[in-house]
Amino acid sequence: MVVYLLLGIVVGAAIGFGIGYYLWKTRWKPDQEAAHAQLTADLNKRREMAERELEVILNSAREDAKQIRADGERVIERRLDDLARAEERLDGIRASQDKQLKKLERREQNISRRQSNLDKRENSLKELEAERQETLQAVAGMTQAEAKQALLDSVEQEARHDMARVMREIEERARETADEQARKIIATSIQRIAGEHVAETSVALVEIPSDDMKGRIIGRSGRNIRAFEQAAGVDIVVDDTPSAVTVSSFDPVRREVARRALEKLIIDGRIHPARIEKVIKDAEKEVDKVIREAGEAAAYEANVHGLHREIIKTLGRLKFRTSYGQNQLHHSVEASKIAVMLAAELGADIEVAKMGGLLHDLGKAIDHNQEGTHAMLGAELARRFNVPSKVVNCIASHHHEVEQESVEAVIVETADAISGARPGARRESLENYIKRVRTLEEIAVSYDGVDSAYALQAGREIRVLVKPDKIDDLAAMRLSKEISKNIEDSMQYPGQIQVTIIRETRAVGFAK
């Protein structure tokens, strides 16, 4: 059975193989051959297309290469032409340099020959000069040094005489033009006036009801006093002074704001950082109103109209500024009145003198927080708000920082000096007064030939006694100017200081 079974399997397999071969031969092989033929045709077609595209690309690349080669050859030709021209220029430059070098060599040879001739001539001249000097010394009977000294003495003597003559001529011309000069010096004879002035310093005292209030002002761990100082921009000094605290600041307006605010806080009793800021803002508004009203009142009293409101406000700030104890707002009004009287007497422009006198110290209201002198700061502020140019010059020149362009500028300067120098107008502390007087005397005695110096009239005059054998009349005049210039450069003082040089010659004889 097994044999039959195996035989059946083999026969079935042979029959299946035969049937499969028949089907592959009759059906599947023609389809496969057709697909292969189609695939071969497609591949051939694509190969032909690729070959055509490759030929096109190769032709384009050949054309580009030819163009690039042609362009490169043209560039190379241009570069070669440029190099050839550059070589030609270099050859020309070398030829020109060779010619110049030959010329320089010839010039050097000529210079050497001339220098040799000059040296020979110089030696000959020196020999002739030596012979001439020997001849002159033999004739004059003096050496060269003695002749030179005699000549210097003669020239010095002539110069002294010429200088004295020129000074006399200047004085004579000054007398002839006395009418013109009188405009500048007539103010020295005007009657001095009196006025009220308030003396203030850089600190203000605020009274407190009791010493317990000091602790409330300081606050816990000092928070209240720190908040107050930061908001007001001042220093609060709480010391052993009974029933008072001190407000200190270089800015008088800030000091006044702080004083008013502290007084309100003490009266109210509620002192804490938030309340401090509010009270200080209220005090600033009050002080601004006071400043504006003070400026308007000063302009009205001086009879000056048409000023810009910023000028009025800045002028009002002078209410809280003092100089040597003199209130600057009162000083400005007083200077304006004096300038009006001078201008009326001299026939000058009263309006210009009046406004210049009122505004001459305008810069003192802003000089504590800006760079520059108060005269230049005031002039710049006035110019900015369309103050007349002649008035601006009066402001800028009242301390001679710029040239005075009109007689009104001289009048304003004189009015300022009269207002500040009159008796009672200004004062200074005893320490500063002694220091100023001592400095005056030290400056005077520092010069050679000065015997002694004495400050008189509260330091407004310095009298200098000189040694007559070392200082002559001409040197005395020169010494007075030098001392005056030294005082102006090294000291600050109100008004003016007179320097008087005294030269006394005594002849003593004995009868026997």
Protein backbone atom coordinates (compact mmCIF):
# COMPACT_ATOMS: atom_id res chain seq x y z
CA MET A 1 0.00 0.00 0.00
CA VAL A 2 2.82 2.28 0.76
CA VAL A 3 4.30 1.66 -2.67
CA TYR A 4 1.06 2.43 -4.36
CA LEU A 5 0.70 5.55 -2.25
CA LEU A 6 4.18 6.81 -3.16
CA LEU A 7 3.59 5.95 -6.79
CA GLY A 8 0.33 7.91 -6.75
CA ILE A 9 2.08 10.90 -5.27
CA VAL A 10 4.81 10.86 -7.94
CA VAL A 11 2.29 10.45 -10.74
CA GLY A 12 0.19 13.32 -9.35
CA ALA A 13 3.21 15.53 -9.08
CA ALA A 14 4.24 14.76 -12.66
CA ILE A 15 0.74 15.49 -13.89
CA GLY A 16 0.66 18.82 -11.89
CA PHE A 17 4.04 19.81 -13.29
CA GLY A 18 2.89 19.06 -16.79
CA ILE A 19 -0.29 21.06 -16.40
CA GLY A 20 1.68 24.03 -14.88
CA TYR A 21 4.21 23.94 -17.71
CA TYR A 22 1.46 23.93 -20.26
CA LEU A 23 -0.24 26.90 -18.65
CA TRP A 24 3.10 28.85 -18.42
CA LYS A 25 3.85 28.06 -22.02
CA THR A 26 0.44 29.02 -23.37
CA ARG A 27 -0.55 32.01 -21.15
CA TRP A 28 2.08 33.39 -18.74
CA LYS A 29 5.12 33.38 -21.03
CA PRO A 30 3.56 35.57 -23.79
CA ASP A 31 2.49 38.13 -21.16
CA GLN A 32 5.94 38.07 -19.61
CA GLU A 33 7.62 38.50 -22.99
CA ALA A 34 5.27 41.40 -23.88
CA ALA A 35 6.00 43.14 -20.55
CA HIS A 36 9.70 42.63 -21.05
CA ALA A 37 9.49 44.04 -24.55
CA GLN A 38 7.54 47.06 -23.33
CA LEU A 39 10.03 47.64 -20.49
CA THR A 40 12.91 47.37 -22.93
CA ALA A 41 11.26 49.92 -25.26
CA ASP A 42 10.70 52.34 -22.40
CA LEU A 43 14.28 52.00 -21.25
CA ASN A 44 15.54 52.62 -24.77
CA LYS A 45 13.34 55.68 -25.15
CA ARG A 46 14.50 57.11 -21.81
CA ARG A 47 18.11 56.35 -22.68
CA GLU A 48 17.71 58.27 -25.96
CA MET A 49 16.12 61.22 -24.13
CA ALA A 50 18.89 61.22 -21.51
CA GLU A 51 21.54 61.12 -24.22
CA ARG A 52 19.89 64.07 -26.02
CA GLU A 53 19.66 66.09 -22.74
CA LEU A 54 23.26 65.20 -21.91
CA GLU A 55 24.34 66.40 -25.35
CA VAL A 56 22.48 69.67 -24.84
CA ILE A 57 24.09 70.18 -21.40
CA LEU A 58 27.52 69.35 -22.75
CA ASN A 59 27.08 71.81 -25.63
CA SER A 60 25.95 74.54 -23.19
CA ALA A 61 28.87 73.78 -20.89
CA ARG A 62 31.27 73.94 -23.85
CA GLU A 63 29.85 77.35 -24.84
CA ASP A 64 30.11 78.64 -21.24
CA ALA A 65 33.67 77.39 -20.98
CA LYS A 66 34.56 79.12 -24.25
CA GLN A 67 32.96 82.39 -23.00
CA ILE A 68 34.74 82.16 -19.63
CA ARG A 69 38.05 81.44 -21.38
CA ALA A 70 37.51 84.44 -23.69
CA ASP A 71 36.64 86.71 -20.76
CA GLY A 72 39.67 85.49 -18.83
CA GLU A 73 41.94 86.11 -21.78
CA ARG A 74 40.57 89.67 -22.14
CA VAL A 75 41.09 90.35 -18.41
CA ILE A 76 44.62 88.99 -18.60
CA GLU A 77 45.31 91.17 -21.64
CA ARG A 78 44.03 94.26 -19.80
CA ARG A 79 46.10 93.40 -16.73
CA LEU A 80 49.15 92.93 -18.90
CA ASP A 81 48.49 96.30 -20.57
CA ASP A 82 48.10 97.95 -17.12
CA LEU A 83 51.32 96.37 -15.94
CA ALA A 84 53.09 97.57 -19.06
CA ARG A 85 51.84 101.13 -18.55
CA ALA A 86 52.78 100.96 -14.84
CA GLU A 87 56.28 99.84 -15.77
CA GLU A 88 56.52 102.75 -18.23
CA ARG A 89 55.45 105.20 -15.48
CA LEU A 90 57.93 103.68 -13.04
CA ASP A 91 60.66 104.02 -15.60
CA GLY A 92 59.71 107.67 -16.10
CA ILE A 93 59.66 108.26 -12.31
CA ARG A 94 63.06 106.62 -11.93
CA ALA A 95 64.46 108.77 -14.71
CA SER A 96 62.96 111.91 -13.11
CA GLN A 97 64.35 110.95 -9.69
CA ASP A 98 67.75 110.37 -11.20
CA LYS A 99 67.64 113.87 -12.72
CA GLN A 100 66.51 115.41 -9.40
CA LEU A 101 69.21 113.51 -7.53
CA LYS A 102 71.83 114.90 -9.88
CA LYS A 103 70.43 118.43 -9.37
CA LEU A 104 70.50 117.96 -5.58
CA GLU A 105 74.07 116.76 -5.74
CA ARG A 106 75.03 119.84 -7.74
CA ARG A 107 73.14 122.08 -5.25
CA GLU A 108 74.88 120.42 -2.31
CA GLN A 109 78.20 121.06 -3.96
CA ASN A 110 77.24 124.73 -4.52
CA ILE A 111 76.02 125.04 -0.90
CA SER A 112 79.24 123.51 0.39
CA ARG A 113 81.27 126.00 -1.63
CA ARG A 114 79.09 128.90 -0.39
CA GLN A 115 79.28 127.67 3.21
CA SER A 116 83.04 127.55 2.94
CA ASN A 117 83.07 131.11 1.60
CA LEU A 118 80.68 132.23 4.40
CA ASP A 119 82.88 130.62 7.04
CA LYS A 120 85.86 132.46 5.66
CA ARG A 121 83.94 135.76 5.66
CA GLU A 122 82.63 135.12 9.20
CA ASN A 123 86.14 134.52 10.46
CA SER A 124 87.28 137.70 8.74
CA LEU A 125 84.37 139.65 10.29
CA LYS A 126 85.14 138.29 13.75
CA GLU A 127 88.71 139.37 13.40
CA LEU A 128 87.58 142.82 12.23
CA GLU A 129 85.04 143.04 15.10
CA ALA A 130 87.70 142.14 17.65
CA GLU A 131 90.04 144.75 16.19
CA ARG A 132 87.20 147.33 16.22
CA GLN A 133 86.31 146.58 19.85
CA GLU A 134 89.95 146.86 20.88
CA THR A 135 90.17 150.17 19.05
CA LEU A 136 86.93 151.45 20.67
CA GLN A 137 88.03 150.36 24.14
CA ALA A 138 91.37 152.06 23.63
CA VAL A 139 89.67 155.28 22.48
CA ALA A 140 86.87 155.28 25.14
CA GLY A 141 88.98 154.02 28.01
CA MET A 142 86.22 151.49 29.02
CA THR A 143 85.72 147.77 28.66
CA GLN A 144 82.73 146.29 26.81
CA ALA A 145 80.89 145.43 30.07
CA GLU A 146 81.43 148.96 31.41
CA ALA A 147 80.15 150.50 28.17
CA LYS A 148 77.10 148.25 28.21
CA GLN A 149 76.28 149.18 31.83
CA ALA A 150 76.69 152.88 31.06
CA LEU A 151 74.34 152.52 28.10
CA LEU A 152 71.72 150.68 30.21
CA ASP A 153 71.88 153.35 32.91
CA SER A 154 71.38 156.05 30.31
CA VAL A 155 68.44 154.23 28.71
CA GLU A 156 66.83 153.57 32.12
CA GLN A 157 67.10 157.24 33.07
CA GLU A 158 65.59 158.33 29.77
CA ALA A 159 62.78 155.77 30.14
CA ARG A 160 61.94 157.09 33.61
CA HIS A 161 61.73 160.64 32.30
CA ASP A 162 59.65 159.55 29.31
CA MET A 163 57.29 157.57 31.56
CA ALA A 164 56.82 160.47 33.93
CA ARG A 165 56.16 162.76 30.95
CA VAL A 166 53.60 160.32 29.50
CA MET A 167 51.84 160.04 32.85
CA ARG A 168 51.61 163.82 33.11
CA GLU A 169 50.21 163.97 29.58
CA ILE A 170 47.62 161.33 30.46
CA GLU A 171 46.57 163.26 33.56
CA GLU A 172 46.31 166.47 31.52
CA ARG A 173 44.12 164.72 28.92
CA ALA A 174 41.98 163.31 31.73
CA ARG A 175 41.45 166.82 33.09
CA GLU A 176 40.48 168.02 29.61
CA THR A 177 37.89 165.25 29.35
CA ALA A 178 36.61 165.74 32.90
CA ASP A 179 33.04 166.20 31.67
CA GLU A 180 33.02 162.70 30.18
CA GLN A 181 34.78 161.14 33.15
CA ALA A 182 32.39 162.85 35.55
CA ARG A 183 29.67 160.46 34.39
CA LYS A 184 31.68 157.60 35.95
CA ILE A 185 32.87 159.24 39.17
CA ILE A 186 30.00 161.56 40.17
CA ALA A 187 28.39 158.75 42.17
CA THR A 188 31.12 159.08 44.82
CA SER A 189 29.56 162.38 45.92
CA ILE A 190 25.93 161.23 46.11
CA GLN A 191 24.32 161.32 49.53
CA ARG A 192 24.06 157.85 50.98
CA ILE A 193 20.65 156.66 51.96
CA ALA A 194 19.47 154.39 54.76
CA GLY A 195 17.21 151.38 54.51
CA GLU A 196 16.02 148.38 56.47
CA HIS A 197 17.84 145.11 56.00
CA VAL A 198 17.27 141.66 57.40
CA ALA A 199 20.30 139.67 58.51
CA GLU A 200 19.99 135.94 57.87
CA THR A 201 22.40 133.04 57.81
CA SER A 202 22.39 129.57 56.36
CA VAL A 203 20.43 128.15 59.33
CA ALA A 204 16.98 128.75 60.82
CA LEU A 205 15.77 127.99 64.35
CA VAL A 206 12.35 126.42 64.87
CA GLU A 207 10.90 126.64 68.37
CA ILE A 208 9.26 123.57 69.88
CA PRO A 209 6.86 123.47 72.85
CA SER A 210 8.93 120.95 74.81
CA ASP A 211 11.94 118.71 74.51
CA ASP A 212 9.62 115.71 74.15
CA MET A 213 8.80 116.96 70.68
CA LYS A 214 12.41 116.28 69.62
CA GLY A 215 11.81 112.56 70.03
CA ARG A 216 8.69 112.74 67.88
CA ILE A 217 10.58 114.69 65.22
CA ILE A 218 13.31 112.04 65.18
CA GLY A 219 10.82 109.14 65.17
CA ARG A 220 11.39 105.48 65.72
CA SER A 221 14.95 104.60 64.65
CA GLY A 222 15.18 108.09 63.11
CA ARG A 223 12.64 107.39 60.32
CA ASN A 224 10.82 110.73 60.67
CA ILE A 225 13.90 112.95 60.55
CA ARG A 226 15.33 110.95 57.62
CA ALA A 227 12.07 111.25 55.69
CA PHE A 228 11.94 114.99 56.39
CA GLU A 229 15.55 115.62 55.33
CA GLN A 230 15.12 113.56 52.15
CA ALA A 231 11.85 115.24 51.14
CA ALA A 232 12.92 118.81 51.98
CA GLY A 233 16.59 118.59 50.96
CA VAL A 234 17.85 120.11 54.24
CA ASP A 235 19.68 119.03 57.39
CA ILE A 236 17.79 118.92 60.71
CA VAL A 237 20.04 119.40 63.74
CA VAL A 238 18.52 118.19 67.01
CA ASP A 239 21.04 119.03 69.72
CA ASP A 240 21.07 120.16 73.34
CA THR A 241 19.59 123.57 72.50
CA PRO A 242 16.49 123.82 74.71
CA SER A 243 13.08 124.22 73.03
CA ALA A 244 14.52 124.55 69.50
CA VAL A 245 15.77 122.58 66.51
CA THR A 246 17.92 123.90 63.68
CA VAL A 247 17.17 123.73 59.94
CA SER A 248 20.35 124.03 57.84
CA SER A 249 20.67 124.37 54.04
CA PHE A 250 22.72 126.38 51.56
CA ASP A 251 19.52 126.96 49.51
CA PRO A 252 17.51 129.71 51.29
CA VAL A 253 14.25 128.79 49.55
CA ARG A 254 14.52 125.15 50.57
CA ARG A 255 15.39 126.27 54.09
CA GLU A 256 12.27 128.44 54.26
CA VAL A 257 10.08 125.60 52.94
CA ALA A 258 11.51 123.24 55.56
CA ARG A 259 11.03 125.80 58.36
CA ARG A 260 7.38 126.36 57.50
CA ALA A 261 6.70 122.64 57.10
CA LEU A 262 8.36 121.80 60.42
CA GLU A 263 6.37 124.48 62.25
CA LYS A 264 3.11 123.06 60.83
CA LEU A 265 4.07 119.51 61.81
CA ILE A 266 4.88 120.63 65.35
CA ILE A 267 1.55 122.45 65.68
CA ASP A 268 -0.41 119.56 64.16
CA GLY A 269 1.40 116.90 66.18
CA ARG A 270 0.98 114.17 63.55
CA ILE A 271 4.52 113.43 62.45
CA HIS A 272 5.07 110.44 60.16
CA PRO A 273 6.62 110.03 56.67
CA ALA A 274 3.37 110.27 54.69
CA ARG A 275 2.23 113.36 56.58
CA ILE A 276 5.71 114.92 56.21
CA GLU A 277 5.60 114.68 52.40
CA LYS A 278 2.15 116.28 52.22
CA VAL A 279 3.04 119.15 54.56
CA ILE A 280 6.27 119.87 52.63
CA LYS A 281 4.34 120.05 49.33
CA ASP A 282 1.87 122.48 50.92
CA ALA A 283 4.76 124.59 52.25
CA GLU A 284 6.36 124.66 48.77
CA LYS A 285 3.13 126.09 47.33
CA GLU A 286 3.02 128.73 50.07
CA VAL A 287 6.64 129.74 49.51
CA ASP A 288 6.09 129.91 45.72
CA LYS A 289 3.21 132.29 46.34
CA VAL A 290 5.35 134.38 48.71
CA ILE A 291 8.15 134.48 46.14
CA ARG A 292 5.82 135.63 43.36
CA GLU A 293 4.26 138.30 45.57
CA ALA A 294 7.69 139.51 46.74
CA GLY A 295 8.90 139.82 43.13
CA GLU A 296 5.78 141.73 42.10
CA ALA A 297 6.08 144.03 45.12
CA ALA A 298 9.75 144.74 44.36
CA ALA A 299 9.00 145.53 40.71
CA TYR A 300 6.13 147.79 41.76
CA GLU A 301 8.27 149.59 44.35
CA ALA A 302 11.06 150.12 41.81
CA ASN A 303 8.46 151.18 39.20
CA VAL A 304 9.70 148.63 36.65
CA HIS A 305 7.01 147.19 34.38
CA GLY A 306 6.76 144.64 31.57
CA LEU A 307 8.94 141.94 33.13
CA HIS A 308 8.32 138.29 32.25
CA ARG A 309 6.68 136.25 35.01
CA GLU A 310 9.76 133.98 35.26
CA ILE A 311 11.91 137.07 35.82
CA ILE A 312 9.46 138.22 38.51
CA LYS A 313 9.55 134.79 40.17
CA THR A 314 13.35 134.62 40.11
CA LEU A 315 13.56 138.15 41.48
CA GLY A 316 11.25 137.16 44.35
CA ARG A 317 13.65 134.37 45.35
CA LEU A 318 16.10 137.07 46.42
CA LYS A 319 13.79 137.70 49.40
CA PHE A 320 15.45 134.69 51.03
CA ARG A 321 19.03 135.52 49.95
CA THR A 322 21.45 137.65 51.98
CA SER A 323 25.00 138.91 51.41
CA TYR A 324 27.01 140.06 54.43
CA GLY A 325 23.69 140.38 56.29
CA GLN A 326 22.08 142.54 53.57
CA ASN A 327 18.83 141.25 52.09
CA GLN A 328 19.37 140.99 48.34
CA LEU A 329 15.81 141.86 47.30
CA HIS A 330 15.90 145.09 49.35
CA HIS A 331 19.39 145.74 47.99
CA SER A 332 18.16 145.37 44.40
CA VAL A 333 15.29 147.80 44.94
CA GLU A 334 17.63 150.25 46.65
CA ALA A 335 20.20 149.99 43.85
CA SER A 336 17.42 150.65 41.33
CA LYS A 337 16.40 153.84 43.15
CA ILE A 338 20.00 155.04 43.37
CA ALA A 339 20.50 154.31 39.67
CA VAL A 340 17.42 156.39 38.84
CA MET A 341 18.84 159.38 40.78
CA LEU A 342 22.23 159.05 39.10
CA ALA A 343 20.72 158.68 35.62
CA ALA A 344 18.55 161.75 36.17
CA GLU A 345 21.53 163.83 37.28
CA LEU A 346 23.73 162.65 34.40
CA GLY A 347 21.13 162.79 31.63
CA ALA A 348 21.28 159.03 30.97
CA ASP A 349 18.45 156.62 30.10
CA ILE A 350 16.44 156.36 33.32
CA GLU A 351 14.44 153.29 32.27
CA VAL A 352 17.54 151.25 31.42
CA ALA A 353 19.30 152.28 34.65
CA LYS A 354 16.16 151.54 36.69
CA MET A 355 15.68 148.04 35.26
CA GLY A 356 19.41 147.27 35.33
CA GLY A 357 19.64 148.26 39.01
CA LEU A 358 16.66 146.06 39.91
CA LEU A 359 17.90 142.99 37.99
CA HIS A 360 21.68 143.29 38.42
CA ASP A 361 21.84 140.55 41.11
CA LEU A 362 19.22 138.31 39.46
CA GLY A 363 21.76 135.51 39.11
CA LYS A 364 22.18 135.22 42.90
CA ALA A 365 18.78 133.51 43.01
CA ILE A 366 20.06 130.59 40.88
CA ASP A 367 23.85 130.52 41.32
CA HIS A 368 23.71 127.87 44.07
CA ASN A 369 22.61 125.13 41.66
CA GLN A 370 24.23 126.23 38.37
CA GLU A 371 27.81 126.70 37.18
CA GLY A 372 28.96 130.28 36.61
CA THR A 373 29.09 133.69 38.28
CA HIS A 374 25.89 135.37 39.34
CA ALA A 375 26.45 138.24 36.87
CA MET A 376 26.71 135.93 33.83
CA LEU A 377 23.88 133.66 35.02
CA GLY A 378 21.61 136.67 35.56
CA ALA A 379 22.48 138.10 32.14
CA GLU A 380 21.75 134.78 30.44
CA LEU A 381 18.39 134.47 32.20
CA ALA A 382 17.44 138.04 31.29
CA ARG A 383 18.47 137.51 27.66
CA ARG A 384 16.35 134.35 27.50
CA PHE A 385 13.21 136.28 28.46
CA ASN A 386 13.73 139.22 26.06
CA VAL A 387 15.08 141.82 28.49
CA PRO A 388 16.58 144.76 26.47
CA SER A 389 20.19 144.22 25.43
CA LYS A 390 21.45 147.36 27.24
CA VAL A 391 19.93 146.06 30.49
CA VAL A 392 21.53 142.63 29.87
CA ASN A 393 24.91 144.36 29.52
CA CYS A 394 24.30 146.24 32.79
CA ILE A 395 23.72 142.90 34.54
CA ALA A 396 26.70 141.10 32.96
CA SER A 397 29.21 143.94 33.41
CA HIS A 398 28.52 145.17 36.94
CA HIS A 399 31.52 143.13 38.15
CA HIS A 400 33.60 143.81 34.99
CA GLU A 401 33.28 140.25 33.67
CA VAL A 402 32.38 141.75 30.29
CA GLU A 403 33.02 145.21 28.88
CA GLN A 404 30.59 147.97 29.84
CA GLU A 405 28.92 149.23 26.68
CA SER A 406 27.00 152.24 28.00
CA VAL A 407 27.02 154.87 30.72
CA GLU A 408 23.97 153.14 32.22
CA ALA A 409 26.13 150.07 32.91
CA VAL A 410 28.56 152.27 34.85
CA ILE A 411 25.64 153.81 36.76
CA VAL A 412 24.32 150.35 37.73
CA GLU A 413 27.77 149.29 38.93
CA THR A 414 28.06 152.49 40.98
CA ALA A 415 24.56 152.11 42.44
CA ASP A 416 25.39 148.54 43.47
CA ALA A 417 28.59 149.72 45.19
CA ILE A 418 26.80 152.59 46.96
CA SER A 419 24.00 150.34 48.23
CA GLY A 420 26.46 147.74 49.51
CA ALA A 421 29.11 150.09 50.87
CA ARG A 422 27.01 152.64 52.75
CA PRO A 423 27.28 152.49 56.58
CA GLY A 424 25.00 149.87 58.07
CA ALA A 425 24.19 148.15 54.81
CA ARG A 426 26.34 145.09 55.28
CA ARG A 427 28.17 143.46 58.09
CA GLU A 428 30.28 140.41 58.64
CA SER A 429 31.25 138.30 61.63
CA LEU A 430 34.12 139.36 63.86
CA GLU A 431 36.15 136.33 62.82
CA ASN A 432 35.75 137.08 59.11
CA TYR A 433 36.47 140.77 59.70
CA ILE A 434 39.73 140.05 61.56
CA LYS A 435 40.73 137.53 58.89
CA ARG A 436 40.05 140.02 56.08
CA VAL A 437 42.01 142.83 57.76
CA ARG A 438 44.93 140.53 58.49
CA THR A 439 44.96 139.25 54.90
CA LEU A 440 45.01 142.83 53.62
CA GLU A 441 48.08 143.70 55.69
CA GLU A 442 49.83 140.42 54.75
CA ILE A 443 49.34 141.11 51.04
CA ALA A 444 50.79 144.61 51.37
CA VAL A 445 53.89 143.68 53.40
CA SER A 446 54.72 140.77 51.03
CA TYR A 447 56.23 143.22 48.47
CA ASP A 448 59.90 144.22 48.53
CA GLY A 449 60.56 147.73 49.80
CA VAL A 450 57.45 147.85 52.04
CA ASP A 451 58.21 148.90 55.61
CA SER A 452 54.78 148.41 57.19
CA ALA A 453 51.04 148.35 56.33
CA TYR A 454 47.91 149.27 58.31
CA ALA A 455 44.27 148.50 57.49
CA LEU A 456 41.93 151.42 58.32
CA GLN A 457 38.20 152.21 58.17
CA ALA A 458 37.06 148.66 58.90
CA GLY A 459 39.26 147.28 56.14
CA ARG A 460 38.09 149.69 53.43
CA GLU A 461 41.53 151.34 53.19
CA ILE A 462 45.05 149.99 53.43
CA ARG A 463 47.95 152.42 54.01
CA VAL A 464 51.36 151.16 53.00
CA LEU A 465 54.59 152.81 54.24
CA VAL A 466 57.52 152.14 51.90
CA LYS A 467 61.28 152.58 52.25
CA PRO A 468 62.25 155.73 50.29
CA ASP A 469 65.70 154.42 49.39
CA LYS A 470 64.20 151.36 47.63
CA ILE A 471 60.92 152.71 46.24
CA ASP A 472 60.88 155.94 44.21
CA ASP A 473 57.78 157.94 43.17
CA LEU A 474 57.28 156.02 39.96
CA ALA A 475 57.69 152.65 41.69
CA ALA A 476 55.19 153.78 44.38
CA MET A 477 52.51 154.33 41.77
CA ARG A 478 53.28 150.98 40.22
CA LEU A 479 53.19 149.30 43.64
CA SER A 480 49.71 150.68 44.42
CA LYS A 481 48.35 149.15 41.22
CA GLU A 482 50.04 145.79 41.89
CA ILE A 483 48.66 145.60 45.43
CA SER A 484 45.17 146.56 44.21
CA LYS A 485 45.29 143.85 41.54
CA ASN A 486 46.49 141.27 44.06
CA ILE A 487 43.64 142.16 46.45
CA GLU A 488 41.07 141.88 43.64
CA ASP A 489 42.37 138.45 42.59
CA SER A 490 42.78 136.88 46.03
CA MET A 491 40.01 138.34 48.23
CA GLN A 492 36.23 138.72 48.32
CA TYR A 493 34.84 141.85 49.96
CA PRO A 494 31.88 144.23 49.70
CA GLY A 495 32.35 147.67 48.11
CA GLN A 496 35.90 148.79 47.35
CA ILE A 497 39.26 149.02 49.14
CA GLN A 498 41.51 152.06 48.77
CA VAL A 499 45.26 151.41 48.58
CA THR A 500 47.41 154.39 49.69
CA ILE A 501 51.19 154.31 49.29
CA ILE A 502 53.13 156.69 51.56
CA ARG A 503 56.76 157.48 50.71
CA GLU A 504 58.43 159.84 53.14
CA THR A 505 61.97 161.17 52.78
CA ARG A 506 63.56 162.76 55.84
CA ALA A 507 66.75 164.81 55.74
CA VAL A 508 68.41 165.18 59.16
CA GLY A 509 71.27 167.59 59.85
CA PHE A 510 73.12 168.62 63.05
CA ALA A 511 74.35 172.13 63.87
CA LYS A 512 77.40 172.17 66.10
